[in-house]
PDB file of N, CA and C in Angstrom:
ATOM      1  N   MET A   1       0.810  -1.192   0.000  1.00  0.00           N
ATOM      2  CA  MET A   1       0.000   0.000   0.000  1.00  0.00           C
ATOM      3  C   MET A   1       0.861   1.266   0.000  1.00  0.00           C
ATOM      4  N   LEU A   2       1.910   1.277   0.844  1.00  0.00           N
ATOM      5  CA  LEU A   2       2.785   2.442   0.910  1.00  0.00           C
ATOM      6  C   LEU A   2       3.477   2.685  -0.429  1.00  0.00           C
ATOM      7  N   THR A   3       3.925   1.606  -1.064  1.00  0.00           N
ATOM      8  CA  THR A   3       4.606   1.781  -2.351  1.00  0.00           C
ATOM      9  C   THR A   3       3.641   2.196  -3.450  1.00  0.00           C
ATOM     10  N   ASP A   4       2.368   1.815  -3.335  1.00  0.00           N
ATOM     11  CA  ASP A   4       1.366   2.292  -4.300  1.00  0.00           C
ATOM     12  C   ASP A   4       1.211   3.800  -4.202  1.00  0.00           C
ATOM     13  N   TRP A   5       1.172   4.320  -2.971  1.00  0.00           N
ATOM     14  CA  TRP A   5       1.078   5.776  -2.778  1.00  0.00           C
ATOM     15  C   TRP A   5       2.338   6.475  -3.294  1.00  0.00           C
ATOM     16  N   ALA A   6       3.500   5.871  -3.039  1.00  0.00           N
ATOM     17  CA  ALA A   6       4.759   6.458  -3.509  1.00  0.00           C
ATOM     18  C   ALA A   6       4.812   6.475  -5.035  1.00  0.00           C
ATOM     19  N   ARG A   7       4.360   5.388  -5.663  1.00  0.00           N
ATOM     20  CA  ARG A   7       4.337   5.333  -7.126  1.00  0.00           C
ATOM     21  C   ARG A   7       3.433   6.410  -7.695  1.00  0.00           C
ATOM     22  N   GLN A   8       2.251   6.565  -7.112  1.00  0.00           N
ATOM     23  CA  GLN A   8       1.318   7.583  -7.588  1.00  0.00           C
ATOM     24  C   GLN A   8       1.879   8.988  -7.380  1.00  0.00           C
ATOM     25  N   GLY A   9       2.524   9.211  -6.219  1.00  0.00           N
ATOM     26  CA  GLY A   9       3.135  10.512  -5.960  1.00  0.00           C
ATOM     27  C   GLY A   9       4.266  10.825  -6.915  1.00  0.00           C
ATOM     28  N   ALA A  10       5.087   9.814  -7.228  1.00  0.00           N
ATOM     29  CA  ALA A  10       6.195  10.013  -8.167  1.00  0.00           C
ATOM     30  C   ALA A  10       5.680  10.346  -9.562  1.00  0.00           C
ATOM     31  N   LEU A  11       4.646   9.636 -10.005  1.00  0.00           N
ATOM     32  CA  LEU A  11       4.067   9.927 -11.318  1.00  0.00           C
ATOM     33  C   LEU A  11       3.444  11.319 -11.356  1.00  0.00           C
ATOM     34  N   GLN A  12       2.782  11.707 -10.271  1.00  0.00           N
ATOM     35  CA  GLN A  12       2.151  13.034 -10.216  1.00  0.00           C
ATOM     36  C   GLN A  12       3.197  14.141 -10.223  1.00  0.00           C
ATOM     37  N   LEU A  13       4.273  13.994  -9.441  1.00  0.00           N
ATOM     38  CA  LEU A  13       5.339  14.997  -9.438  1.00  0.00           C
ATOM     39  C   LEU A  13       5.988  15.116 -10.817  1.00  0.00           C
ATOM     40  N   SER A  14       6.192  13.988 -11.481  1.00  0.00           N
ATOM     41  CA  SER A  14       6.764  14.025 -12.830  1.00  0.00           C
ATOM     42  C   SER A  14       5.837  14.753 -13.795  1.00  0.00           C
ATOM     43  N   ARG A  15       4.545  14.610 -13.602  1.00  0.00           N
ATOM     44  CA  ARG A  15       3.570  15.301 -14.447  1.00  0.00           C
ATOM     45  C   ARG A  15       3.548  16.800 -14.149  1.00  0.00           C
ATOM     46  N   TRP A  16       3.640  17.168 -12.862  1.00  0.00           N
ATOM     47  CA  TRP A  16       3.580  18.583 -12.476  1.00  0.00           C
ATOM     48  C   TRP A  16       4.849  19.342 -12.832  1.00  0.00           C
ATOM     49  N   LEU A  17       5.987  18.659 -12.886  1.00  0.00           N
ATOM     50  CA  LEU A  17       7.268  19.319 -13.141  1.00  0.00           C
ATOM     51  C   LEU A  17       7.884  18.752 -14.424  1.00  0.00           C
ATOM     52  N   PRO A  18       7.315  19.082 -15.590  1.00  0.00           N
ATOM     53  CA  PRO A  18       7.735  18.430 -16.833  1.00  0.00           C
ATOM     54  C   PRO A  18       9.160  18.739 -17.266  1.00  0.00           C
ATOM     55  N   GLY A  19       9.732  19.865 -16.886  1.00  0.00           N
ATOM     56  CA  GLY A  19      11.067  20.216 -17.356  1.00  0.00           C
ATOM     57  C   GLY A  19      12.167  19.938 -16.358  1.00  0.00           C
ATOM     58  N   ARG A  20      11.892  19.226 -15.280  1.00  0.00           N
ATOM     59  CA  ARG A  20      12.873  19.039 -14.219  1.00  0.00           C
ATOM     60  C   ARG A  20      13.254  17.575 -14.052  1.00  0.00           C
ATOM     61  N   ARG A  21      14.517  17.360 -13.664  1.00  0.00           N
ATOM     62  CA  ARG A  21      14.954  16.014 -13.250  1.00  0.00           C
ATOM     63  C   ARG A  21      14.587  15.854 -11.790  1.00  0.00           C
ATOM     64  N   ILE A  22      14.077  14.695 -11.434  1.00  0.00           N
ATOM     65  CA  ILE A  22      13.615  14.442 -10.071  1.00  0.00           C
ATOM     66  C   ILE A  22      14.348  13.224  -9.529  1.00  0.00           C
ATOM     67  N   ILE A  23      14.806  13.318  -8.282  1.00  0.00           N
ATOM     68  CA  ILE A  23      15.471  12.204  -7.632  1.00  0.00           C
ATOM     69  C   ILE A  23      14.649  11.823  -6.409  1.00  0.00           C
ATOM     70  N   PHE A  24      14.180  10.580  -6.389  1.00  0.00           N
ATOM     71  CA  PHE A  24      13.423  10.045  -5.264  1.00  0.00           C
ATOM     72  C   PHE A  24      14.363   9.165  -4.447  1.00  0.00           C
ATOM     73  N   VAL A  25      14.394   9.381  -3.138  1.00  0.00           N
ATOM     74  CA  VAL A  25      15.248   8.602  -2.249  1.00  0.00           C
ATOM     75  C   VAL A  25      14.359   7.916  -1.223  1.00  0.00           C
ATOM     76  N   GLY A  26      14.549   6.613  -1.051  1.00  0.00           N
ATOM     77  CA  GLY A  26      13.762   5.860  -0.077  1.00  0.00           C
ATOM     78  C   GLY A  26      14.583   4.758   0.543  1.00  0.00           C
ATOM     79  N   ASP A  27      14.113   4.254   1.680  1.00  0.00           N
ATOM     80  CA  ASP A  27      14.818   3.149   2.322  1.00  0.00           C
ATOM     81  C   ASP A  27      14.483   1.835   1.611  1.00  0.00           C
ATOM     82  N   SER A  28      14.881   0.728   2.184  1.00  0.00           N
ATOM     83  CA  SER A  28      14.727  -0.549   1.505  1.00  0.00           C
ATOM     84  C   SER A  28      13.269  -0.959   1.306  1.00  0.00           C
ATOM     85  N   SER A  29      12.337  -0.377   2.057  1.00  0.00           N
ATOM     86  CA  SER A  29      10.928  -0.719   1.843  1.00  0.00           C
ATOM     87  C   SER A  29      10.414  -0.173   0.509  1.00  0.00           C
ATOM     88  N   PHE A  30      11.145   0.766  -0.110  1.00  0.00           N
ATOM     89  CA  PHE A  30      10.750   1.315  -1.405  1.00  0.00           C
ATOM     90  C   PHE A  30      11.480   0.633  -2.564  1.00  0.00           C
ATOM     91  N   ALA A  31      12.276  -0.389  -2.283  1.00  0.00           N
ATOM     92  CA  ALA A  31      12.993  -1.121  -3.323  1.00  0.00           C
ATOM     93  C   ALA A  31      12.082  -2.213  -3.878  1.00  0.00           C
ATOM     94  N   VAL A  32      11.042  -1.798  -4.569  1.00  0.00           N
ATOM     95  CA  VAL A  32      10.113  -2.741  -5.187  1.00  0.00           C
ATOM     96  C   VAL A  32      10.088  -2.480  -6.685  1.00  0.00           C
ATOM     97  N   TYR A  33       9.919  -3.536  -7.445  1.00  0.00           N
ATOM     98  CA  TYR A  33      10.001  -3.453  -8.895  1.00  0.00           C
ATOM     99  C   TYR A  33       8.967  -2.490  -9.477  1.00  0.00           C
ATOM    100  N   GLU A  34       7.747  -2.524  -8.972  1.00  0.00           N
ATOM    101  CA  GLU A  34       6.672  -1.686  -9.525  1.00  0.00           C
ATOM    102  C   GLU A  34       6.995  -0.205  -9.400  1.00  0.00           C
ATOM    103  N   LEU A  35       7.589   0.203  -8.273  1.00  0.00           N
ATOM    104  CA  LEU A  35       7.940   1.609  -8.077  1.00  0.00           C
ATOM    105  C   LEU A  35       9.093   2.005  -8.998  1.00  0.00           C
ATOM    106  N   ALA A  36      10.098   1.168  -9.101  1.00  0.00           N
ATOM    107  CA  ALA A  36      11.228   1.476  -9.979  1.00  0.00           C
ATOM    108  C   ALA A  36      10.799   1.503 -11.439  1.00  0.00           C
ATOM    109  N   HIS A  37       9.926   0.593 -11.824  1.00  0.00           N
ATOM    110  CA  HIS A  37       9.468   0.514 -13.208  1.00  0.00           C
ATOM    111  C   HIS A  37       8.594   1.716 -13.588  1.00  0.00           C
ATOM    112  N   ALA A  38       7.899   2.299 -12.609  1.00  0.00           N
ATOM    113  CA  ALA A  38       7.019   3.435 -12.885  1.00  0.00           C
ATOM    114  C   ALA A  38       7.788   4.742 -13.060  1.00  0.00           C
ATOM    115  N   SER A  39       9.071   4.768 -12.699  1.00  0.00           N
ATOM    116  CA  SER A  39       9.855   5.992 -12.820  1.00  0.00           C
ATOM    117  C   SER A  39       9.979   6.390 -14.284  1.00  0.00           C
ATOM    118  N   THR A  40       9.817   7.670 -14.545  1.00  0.00           N
ATOM    119  CA  THR A  40       9.942   8.191 -15.904  1.00  0.00           C
ATOM    120  C   THR A  40      11.424   8.365 -16.245  1.00  0.00           C
ATOM    121  N   PRO A  41      11.776   8.586 -17.502  1.00  0.00           N
ATOM    122  CA  PRO A  41      13.186   8.780 -17.853  1.00  0.00           C
ATOM    123  C   PRO A  41      13.828   9.986 -17.149  1.00  0.00           C
ATOM    124  N   ARG A  42      13.028  10.945 -16.723  1.00  0.00           N
ATOM    125  CA  ARG A  42      13.574  12.114 -16.028  1.00  0.00           C
ATOM    126  C   ARG A  42      13.693  11.901 -14.525  1.00  0.00           C
ATOM    127  N   ALA A  43      13.184  10.783 -14.026  1.00  0.00           N
ATOM    128  CA  ALA A  43      13.189  10.533 -12.583  1.00  0.00           C
ATOM    129  C   ALA A  43      14.147   9.397 -12.247  1.00  0.00           C
ATOM    130  N   THR A  44      14.794   9.532 -11.102  1.00  0.00           N
ATOM    131  CA  THR A  44      15.718   8.528 -10.615  1.00  0.00           C
ATOM    132  C   THR A  44      15.253   8.063  -9.245  1.00  0.00           C
ATOM    133  N   LEU A  45      15.251   6.763  -9.024  1.00  0.00           N
ATOM    134  CA  LEU A  45      14.905   6.194  -7.726  1.00  0.00           C
ATOM    135  C   LEU A  45      16.174   5.657  -7.085  1.00  0.00           C
ATOM    136  N   ILE A  46      16.483   6.135  -5.879  1.00  0.00           N
ATOM    137  CA  ILE A  46      17.635   5.656  -5.130  1.00  0.00           C
ATOM    138  C   ILE A  46      17.101   4.924  -3.909  1.00  0.00           C
ATOM    139  N   SER A  47      17.446   3.657  -3.807  1.00  0.00           N
ATOM    140  CA  SER A  47      16.984   2.836  -2.690  1.00  0.00           C
ATOM    141  C   SER A  47      17.974   1.707  -2.468  1.00  0.00           C
ATOM    142  N   ARG A  48      17.955   1.158  -1.288  1.00  0.00           N
ATOM    143  CA  ARG A  48      18.834   0.039  -0.969  1.00  0.00           C
ATOM    144  C   ARG A  48      18.156  -1.259  -1.411  1.00  0.00           C
ATOM    145  N   LEU A  49      18.833  -2.017  -2.250  1.00  0.00           N
ATOM    146  CA  LEU A  49      18.290  -3.286  -2.723  1.00  0.00           C
ATOM    147  C   LEU A  49      18.683  -4.415  -1.787  1.00  0.00           C
ATOM    148  N   ARG A  50      17.961  -5.521  -1.885  1.00  0.00           N
ATOM    149  CA  ARG A  50      18.350  -6.722  -1.154  1.00  0.00           C
ATOM    150  C   ARG A  50      19.674  -7.227  -1.698  1.00  0.00           C
ATOM    151  N   LEU A  51      20.477  -7.867  -0.870  1.00  0.00           N
ATOM    152  CA  LEU A  51      21.788  -8.346  -1.299  1.00  0.00           C
ATOM    153  C   LEU A  51      21.697  -9.516  -2.268  1.00  0.00           C
ATOM    154  N   ASP A  52      20.538 -10.178  -2.364  1.00  0.00           N
ATOM    155  CA  ASP A  52      20.404 -11.316  -3.271  1.00  0.00           C
ATOM    156  C   ASP A  52      19.589 -10.992  -4.523  1.00  0.00           C
ATOM    157  N   VAL A  53      19.410  -9.713  -4.833  1.00  0.00           N
ATOM    158  CA  VAL A  53      18.631  -9.309  -6.001  1.00  0.00           C
ATOM    159  C   VAL A  53      19.347  -9.759  -7.286  1.00  0.00           C
ATOM    160  N   SER A  54      18.575 -10.116  -8.304  1.00  0.00           N
ATOM    161  CA  SER A  54      19.141 -10.530  -9.588  1.00  0.00           C
ATOM    162  C   SER A  54      19.225  -9.324 -10.518  1.00  0.00           C
ATOM    163  N   LEU A  55      20.446  -8.930 -10.834  1.00  0.00           N
ATOM    164  CA  LEU A  55      20.691  -7.795 -11.714  1.00  0.00           C
ATOM    165  C   LEU A  55      21.380  -8.290 -12.980  1.00  0.00           C
ATOM    166  N   PHE A  56      21.144  -7.572 -14.091  1.00  0.00           N
ATOM    167  CA  PHE A  56      21.670  -7.969 -15.389  1.00  0.00           C
ATOM    168  C   PHE A  56      22.347  -6.781 -16.054  1.00  0.00           C
ATOM    169  N   ALA A  57      23.275  -7.082 -16.957  1.00  0.00           N
ATOM    170  CA  ALA A  57      23.881  -6.051 -17.795  1.00  0.00           C
ATOM    171  C   ALA A  57      22.847  -5.646 -18.845  1.00  0.00           C
ATOM    172  N   PRO A  58      22.979  -4.442 -19.410  1.00  0.00           N
ATOM    173  CA  PRO A  58      22.068  -4.062 -20.495  1.00  0.00           C
ATOM    174  C   PRO A  58      22.243  -5.014 -21.680  1.00  0.00           C
ATOM    175  N   PRO A  59      21.194  -5.181 -22.489  1.00  0.00           N
ATOM    176  CA  PRO A  59      21.308  -6.083 -23.642  1.00  0.00           C
ATOM    177  C   PRO A  59      22.292  -5.537 -24.673  1.00  0.00           C
ATOM    178  N   ALA A  60      22.865  -6.452 -25.446  1.00  0.00           N
ATOM    179  CA  ALA A  60      23.813  -6.058 -26.490  1.00  0.00           C
ATOM    180  C   ALA A  60      23.092  -5.251 -27.573  1.00  0.00           C
ATOM    181  N   LYS A  61      23.823  -4.347 -28.196  1.00  0.00           N
ATOM    182  CA  LYS A  61      23.258  -3.534 -29.277  1.00  0.00           C
ATOM    183  C   LYS A  61      22.948  -4.419 -30.475  1.00  0.00           C
ATOM    184  N   ARG A  62      21.843  -4.113 -31.114  1.00  0.00           N
ATOM    185  CA  ARG A  62      21.451  -4.859 -32.309  1.00  0.00           C
ATOM    186  C   ARG A  62      22.136  -4.269 -33.534  1.00  0.00           C
ATOM    187  N   THR A  63      22.453  -5.131 -34.488  1.00  0.00           N
ATOM    188  CA  THR A  63      22.991  -4.678 -35.762  1.00  0.00           C
ATOM    189  C   THR A  63      21.960  -5.002 -36.840  1.00  0.00           C
ATOM    190  N   GLU A  64      22.238  -4.593 -38.044  1.00  0.00           N
ATOM    191  CA  GLU A  64      21.291  -4.876 -39.127  1.00  0.00           C
ATOM    192  C   GLU A  64      21.231  -6.377 -39.442  1.00  0.00           C
ATOM    193  N   ARG A  65      22.216  -7.135 -38.993  1.00  0.00           N
ATOM    194  CA  ARG A  65      22.252  -8.577 -39.240  1.00  0.00           C
ATOM    195  C   ARG A  65      21.657  -9.387 -38.080  1.00  0.00           C
ATOM    196  N   THR A  66      21.252  -8.718 -37.016  1.00  0.00           N
ATOM    197  CA  THR A  66      20.689  -9.426 -35.866  1.00  0.00           C
ATOM    198  C   THR A  66      19.291  -9.921 -36.203  1.00  0.00           C
ATOM    199  N   MET A  67      19.081 -11.199 -35.973  1.00  0.00           N
ATOM    200  CA  MET A  67      17.785 -11.804 -36.286  1.00  0.00           C
ATOM    201  C   MET A  67      16.994 -12.006 -34.995  1.00  0.00           C
ATOM    202  N   GLY A  68      15.686 -12.079 -35.137  1.00  0.00           N
ATOM    203  CA  GLY A  68      14.837 -12.441 -34.008  1.00  0.00           C
ATOM    204  C   GLY A  68      14.417 -11.262 -33.135  1.00  0.00           C
ATOM    205  N   ARG A  69      13.771 -11.620 -32.080  1.00  0.00           N
ATOM    206  CA  ARG A  69      13.246 -10.639 -31.133  1.00  0.00           C
ATOM    207  C   ARG A  69      14.389  -9.947 -30.385  1.00  0.00           C
ATOM    208  N   PRO A  70      14.281  -8.642 -30.108  1.00  0.00           N
ATOM    209  CA  PRO A  70      15.350  -7.953 -29.374  1.00  0.00           C
ATOM    210  C   PRO A  70      15.522  -8.527 -27.966  1.00  0.00           C
ATOM    211  N   ALA A  71      16.754  -8.615 -27.536  1.00  0.00           N
ATOM    212  CA  ALA A  71      17.053  -9.117 -26.193  1.00  0.00           C
ATOM    213  C   ALA A  71      16.517  -8.134 -25.147  1.00  0.00           C
ATOM    214  N   GLN A  72      15.996  -8.652 -24.056  1.00  0.00           N
ATOM    215  CA  GLN A  72      15.457  -7.833 -22.975  1.00  0.00           C
ATOM    216  C   GLN A  72      16.495  -7.569 -21.890  1.00  0.00           C
ATOM    217  N   LYS A  73      17.516  -8.429 -21.807  1.00  0.00           N
ATOM    218  CA  LYS A  73      18.531  -8.297 -20.764  1.00  0.00           C
ATOM    219  C   LYS A  73      19.837  -8.871 -21.269  1.00  0.00           C
ATOM    220  N   GLY A  74      20.918  -8.462 -20.631  1.00  0.00           N
ATOM    221  CA  GLY A  74      22.241  -8.983 -20.951  1.00  0.00           C
ATOM    222  C   GLY A  74      22.628 -10.080 -19.976  1.00  0.00           C
ATOM    223  N   PRO A  75      23.913 -10.344 -19.877  1.00  0.00           N
ATOM    224  CA  PRO A  75      24.363 -11.392 -18.962  1.00  0.00           C
ATOM    225  C   PRO A  75      24.097 -11.021 -17.503  1.00  0.00           C
ATOM    226  N   VAL A  76      23.963 -12.057 -16.679  1.00  0.00           N
ATOM    227  CA  VAL A  76      23.705 -11.843 -15.260  1.00  0.00           C
ATOM    228  C   VAL A  76      24.948 -11.236 -14.602  1.00  0.00           C
ATOM    229  N   LEU A  77      24.726 -10.294 -13.687  1.00  0.00           N
ATOM    230  CA  LEU A  77      25.808  -9.652 -12.951  1.00  0.00           C
ATOM    231  C   LEU A  77      25.968 -10.327 -11.591  1.00  0.00           C
ATOM    232  N   PRO A  78      27.113 -10.159 -10.951  1.00  0.00           N
ATOM    233  CA  PRO A  78      27.311 -10.773  -9.632  1.00  0.00           C
ATOM    234  C   PRO A  78      26.309 -10.222  -8.612  1.00  0.00           C
ATOM    235  N   LYS A  79      25.954 -11.060  -7.646  1.00  0.00           N
ATOM    236  CA  LYS A  79      25.061 -10.629  -6.570  1.00  0.00           C
ATOM    237  C   LYS A  79      25.739  -9.525  -5.762  1.00  0.00           C
ATOM    238  N   LEU A  80      24.937  -8.662  -5.168  1.00  0.00           N
ATOM    239  CA  LEU A  80      25.480  -7.565  -4.370  1.00  0.00           C
ATOM    240  C   LEU A  80      26.296  -8.082  -3.188  1.00  0.00           C
ATOM    241  N   LYS A  81      25.892  -9.218  -2.633  1.00  0.00           N
ATOM    242  CA  LYS A  81      26.642  -9.822  -1.528  1.00  0.00           C
ATOM    243  C   LYS A  81      28.057 -10.180  -1.978  1.00  0.00           C
ATOM    244  N   THR A  82      28.205 -10.626  -3.240  1.00  0.00           N
ATOM    245  CA  THR A  82      29.519 -10.953  -3.788  1.00  0.00           C
ATOM    246  C   THR A  82      30.354  -9.686  -3.965  1.00  0.00           C
ATOM    247  N   LEU A  83      29.730  -8.620  -4.469  1.00  0.00           N
ATOM    248  CA  LEU A  83      30.452  -7.351  -4.635  1.00  0.00           C
ATOM    249  C   LEU A  83      30.915  -6.792  -3.297  1.00  0.00           C
ATOM    250  N   LEU A  84      30.113  -6.979  -2.277  1.00  0.00           N
ATOM    251  CA  LEU A  84      30.450  -6.491  -0.940  1.00  0.00           C
ATOM    252  C   LEU A  84      31.720  -7.158  -0.424  1.00  0.00           C
ATOM    253  N   ALA A  85      31.887  -8.452  -0.706  1.00  0.00           N
ATOM    254  CA  ALA A  85      33.050  -9.204  -0.218  1.00  0.00           C
ATOM    255  C   ALA A  85      34.251  -9.123  -1.153  1.00  0.00           C
ATOM    256  N   ASN A  86      34.059  -8.622  -2.370  1.00  0.00           N
ATOM    257  CA  ASN A  86      35.129  -8.591  -3.363  1.00  0.00           C
ATOM    258  C   ASN A  86      36.105  -7.448  -3.059  1.00  0.00           C
ATOM    259  N   PRO A  87      37.405  -7.737  -2.863  1.00  0.00           N
ATOM    260  CA  PRO A  87      38.362  -6.661  -2.577  1.00  0.00           C
ATOM    261  C   PRO A  87      38.600  -5.733  -3.767  1.00  0.00           C
ATOM    262  N   ALA A  88      38.205  -6.131  -4.975  1.00  0.00           N
ATOM    263  CA  ALA A  88      38.390  -5.284  -6.157  1.00  0.00           C
ATOM    264  C   ALA A  88      37.284  -4.242  -6.311  1.00  0.00           C
ATOM    265  N   THR A  89      36.233  -4.313  -5.505  1.00  0.00           N
ATOM    266  CA  THR A  89      35.151  -3.331  -5.585  1.00  0.00           C
ATOM    267  C   THR A  89      35.675  -1.964  -5.166  1.00  0.00           C
ATOM    268  N   ARG A  90      35.425  -0.954  -6.000  1.00  0.00           N
ATOM    269  CA  ARG A  90      35.891   0.414  -5.710  1.00  0.00           C
ATOM    270  C   ARG A  90      34.868   1.132  -4.842  1.00  0.00           C
ATOM    271  N   TRP A  91      35.300   1.599  -3.700  1.00  0.00           N
ATOM    272  CA  TRP A  91      34.436   2.301  -2.756  1.00  0.00           C
ATOM    273  C   TRP A  91      34.826   3.767  -2.703  1.00  0.00           C
ATOM    274  N   THR A  92      33.840   4.647  -2.519  1.00  0.00           N
ATOM    275  CA  THR A  92      34.051   6.083  -2.374  1.00  0.00           C
ATOM    276  C   THR A  92      33.473   6.514  -1.035  1.00  0.00           C
ATOM    277  N   LYS A  93      34.255   7.270  -0.272  1.00  0.00           N
ATOM    278  CA  LYS A  93      33.789   7.756   1.029  1.00  0.00           C
ATOM    279  C   LYS A  93      33.079   9.095   0.829  1.00  0.00           C
ATOM    280  N   ILE A  94      31.861   9.202   1.351  1.00  0.00           N
ATOM    281  CA  ILE A  94      31.109  10.456   1.298  1.00  0.00           C
ATOM    282  C   ILE A  94      30.699  10.828   2.716  1.00  0.00           C
ATOM    283  N   ILE A  95      30.399  12.093   2.923  1.00  0.00           N
ATOM    284  CA  ILE A  95      29.905  12.582   4.209  1.00  0.00           C
ATOM    285  C   ILE A  95      28.444  12.988   4.013  1.00  0.00           C
ATOM    286  N   VAL A  96      27.569  12.425   4.821  1.00  0.00           N
ATOM    287  CA  VAL A  96      26.142  12.740   4.762  1.00  0.00           C
ATOM    288  C   VAL A  96      25.794  13.529   6.013  1.00  0.00           C
ATOM    289  N   PHE A  97      25.288  14.740   5.823  1.00  0.00           N
ATOM    290  CA  PHE A  97      24.936  15.593   6.955  1.00  0.00           C
ATOM    291  C   PHE A  97      23.492  15.354   7.385  1.00  0.00           C
ATOM    292  N   ALA A  98      23.212  15.571   8.649  1.00  0.00           N
ATOM    293  CA  ALA A  98      21.882  15.403   9.240  1.00  0.00           C
ATOM    294  C   ALA A  98      21.353  13.987   9.014  1.00  0.00           C
ATOM    295  N   TRP A  99      22.190  13.006   9.238  1.00  0.00           N
ATOM    296  CA  TRP A  99      21.827  11.594   9.068  1.00  0.00           C
ATOM    297  C   TRP A  99      21.537  11.015  10.444  1.00  0.00           C
ATOM    298  N   TYR A 100      20.262  10.800  10.740  1.00  0.00           N
ATOM    299  CA  TYR A 100      19.835  10.221  12.012  1.00  0.00           C
ATOM    300  C   TYR A 100      20.485  10.904  13.208  1.00  0.00           C
ATOM    301  N   GLY A 101      20.467  12.217  13.222  1.00  0.00           N
ATOM    302  CA  GLY A 101      20.975  12.977  14.354  1.00  0.00           C
ATOM    303  C   GLY A 101      22.442  13.331  14.295  1.00  0.00           C
ATOM    304  N   HIS A 102      23.184  12.855  13.312  1.00  0.00           N
ATOM    305  CA  HIS A 102      24.598  13.210  13.171  1.00  0.00           C
ATOM    306  C   HIS A 102      24.684  14.577  12.489  1.00  0.00           C
ATOM    307  N   VAL A 103      24.640  15.641  13.268  1.00  0.00           N
ATOM    308  CA  VAL A 103      24.616  16.993  12.706  1.00  0.00           C
ATOM    309  C   VAL A 103      25.916  17.306  11.973  1.00  0.00           C
ATOM    310  N   ASN A 104      27.045  16.832  12.480  1.00  0.00           N
ATOM    311  CA  ASN A 104      28.341  17.116  11.859  1.00  0.00           C
ATOM    312  C   ASN A 104      28.628  16.228  10.657  1.00  0.00           C
ATOM    313  N   GLY A 105      27.772  15.304  10.391  1.00  0.00           N
ATOM    314  CA  GLY A 105      27.956  14.423   9.242  1.00  0.00           C
ATOM    315  C   GLY A 105      28.373  13.029   9.655  1.00  0.00           C
ATOM    316  N   ASN A 106      28.013  12.083   8.836  1.00  0.00           N
ATOM    317  CA  ASN A 106      28.352  10.690   9.054  1.00  0.00           C
ATOM    318  C   ASN A 106      29.031  10.181   7.792  1.00  0.00           C
ATOM    319  N   ALA A 107      30.185   9.535   7.935  1.00  0.00           N
ATOM    320  CA  ALA A 107      30.929   9.027   6.783  1.00  0.00           C
ATOM    321  C   ALA A 107      30.329   7.699   6.322  1.00  0.00           C
ATOM    322  N   LEU A 108      30.111   7.598   5.025  1.00  0.00           N
ATOM    323  CA  LEU A 108      29.601   6.371   4.422  1.00  0.00           C
ATOM    324  C   LEU A 108      30.510   5.978   3.272  1.00  0.00           C
ATOM    325  N   ASP A 109      30.697   4.674   3.092  1.00  0.00           N
ATOM    326  CA  ASP A 109      31.400   4.155   1.918  1.00  0.00           C
ATOM    327  C   ASP A 109      30.343   3.671   0.937  1.00  0.00           C
ATOM    328  N   ILE A 110      30.413   4.163  -0.305  1.00  0.00           N
ATOM    329  CA  ILE A 110      29.427   3.781  -1.317  1.00  0.00           C
ATOM    330  C   ILE A 110      30.136   3.278  -2.567  1.00  0.00           C
ATOM    331  N   THR A 111      29.410   2.489  -3.336  1.00  0.00           N
ATOM    332  CA  THR A 111      29.846   2.093  -4.666  1.00  0.00           C
ATOM    333  C   THR A 111      28.629   2.223  -5.577  1.00  0.00           C
ATOM    334  N   SER A 112      28.849   2.461  -6.835  1.00  0.00           N
ATOM    335  CA  SER A 112      27.741   2.694  -7.746  1.00  0.00           C
ATOM    336  C   SER A 112      28.049   2.074  -9.105  1.00  0.00           C
ATOM    337  N   ASP A 113      27.005   1.635  -9.771  1.00  0.00           N
ATOM    338  CA  ASP A 113      27.141   1.078 -11.107  1.00  0.00           C
ATOM    339  C   ASP A 113      25.768   1.086 -11.766  1.00  0.00           C
ATOM    340  N   ILE A 114      25.699   0.715 -13.011  1.00  0.00           N
ATOM    341  CA  ILE A 114      24.436   0.663 -13.737  1.00  0.00           C
ATOM    342  C   ILE A 114      24.111  -0.793 -14.018  1.00  0.00           C
ATOM    343  N   ALA A 115      22.870  -1.177 -13.716  1.00  0.00           N
ATOM    344  CA  ALA A 115      22.418  -2.550 -13.954  1.00  0.00           C
ATOM    345  C   ALA A 115      20.943  -2.523 -14.324  1.00  0.00           C
ATOM    346  N   LEU A 116      20.501  -3.611 -14.888  1.00  0.00           N
ATOM    347  CA  LEU A 116      19.108  -3.760 -15.269  1.00  0.00           C
ATOM    348  C   LEU A 116      18.430  -4.695 -14.275  1.00  0.00           C
ATOM    349  N   TRP A 117      17.367  -4.204 -13.644  1.00  0.00           N
ATOM    350  CA  TRP A 117      16.592  -5.018 -12.720  1.00  0.00           C
ATOM    351  C   TRP A 117      15.450  -5.576 -13.551  1.00  0.00           C
ATOM    352  N   TYR A 118      15.630  -6.774 -14.050  1.00  0.00           N
ATOM    353  CA  TYR A 118      14.682  -7.357 -15.006  1.00  0.00           C
ATOM    354  C   TYR A 118      13.755  -8.333 -14.305  1.00  0.00           C
ATOM    355  N   ARG A 119      12.499  -8.277 -14.695  1.00  0.00           N
ATOM    356  CA  ARG A 119      11.507  -9.240 -14.236  1.00  0.00           C
ATOM    357  C   ARG A 119      10.524  -9.471 -15.362  1.00  0.00           C
ATOM    358  N   ARG A 120      10.133 -10.725 -15.567  1.00  0.00           N
ATOM    359  CA  ARG A 120       9.181 -11.027 -16.647  1.00  0.00           C
ATOM    360  C   ARG A 120       7.842 -10.394 -16.385  1.00  0.00           C
TER     361      ARG A 120
END
């Protein structure tokens, strides 16, 4: 129910602000496929995913010689739990101010990449 309201609010804000990029930030309860799928190209959803989520690379580009239906997803990517334990993962330290009462800021290590969250 909460994510239904969030999805409707995100769509309404995108409609009201047609020329603006919008970034929605939510905790892990907002990491649901329906909410992410409803985001418009101008909107970005930032949320914490489950460590066992199935993520894929984008599909390969089609050429004029490619036959058949276009691919919906690329190869499977490593699980987030694997990336967390991998020493080759590049981490960036950021300072987040006003984070749960930390007025002077709280240091967080983050990593970022692009993946496709595919579901039939």
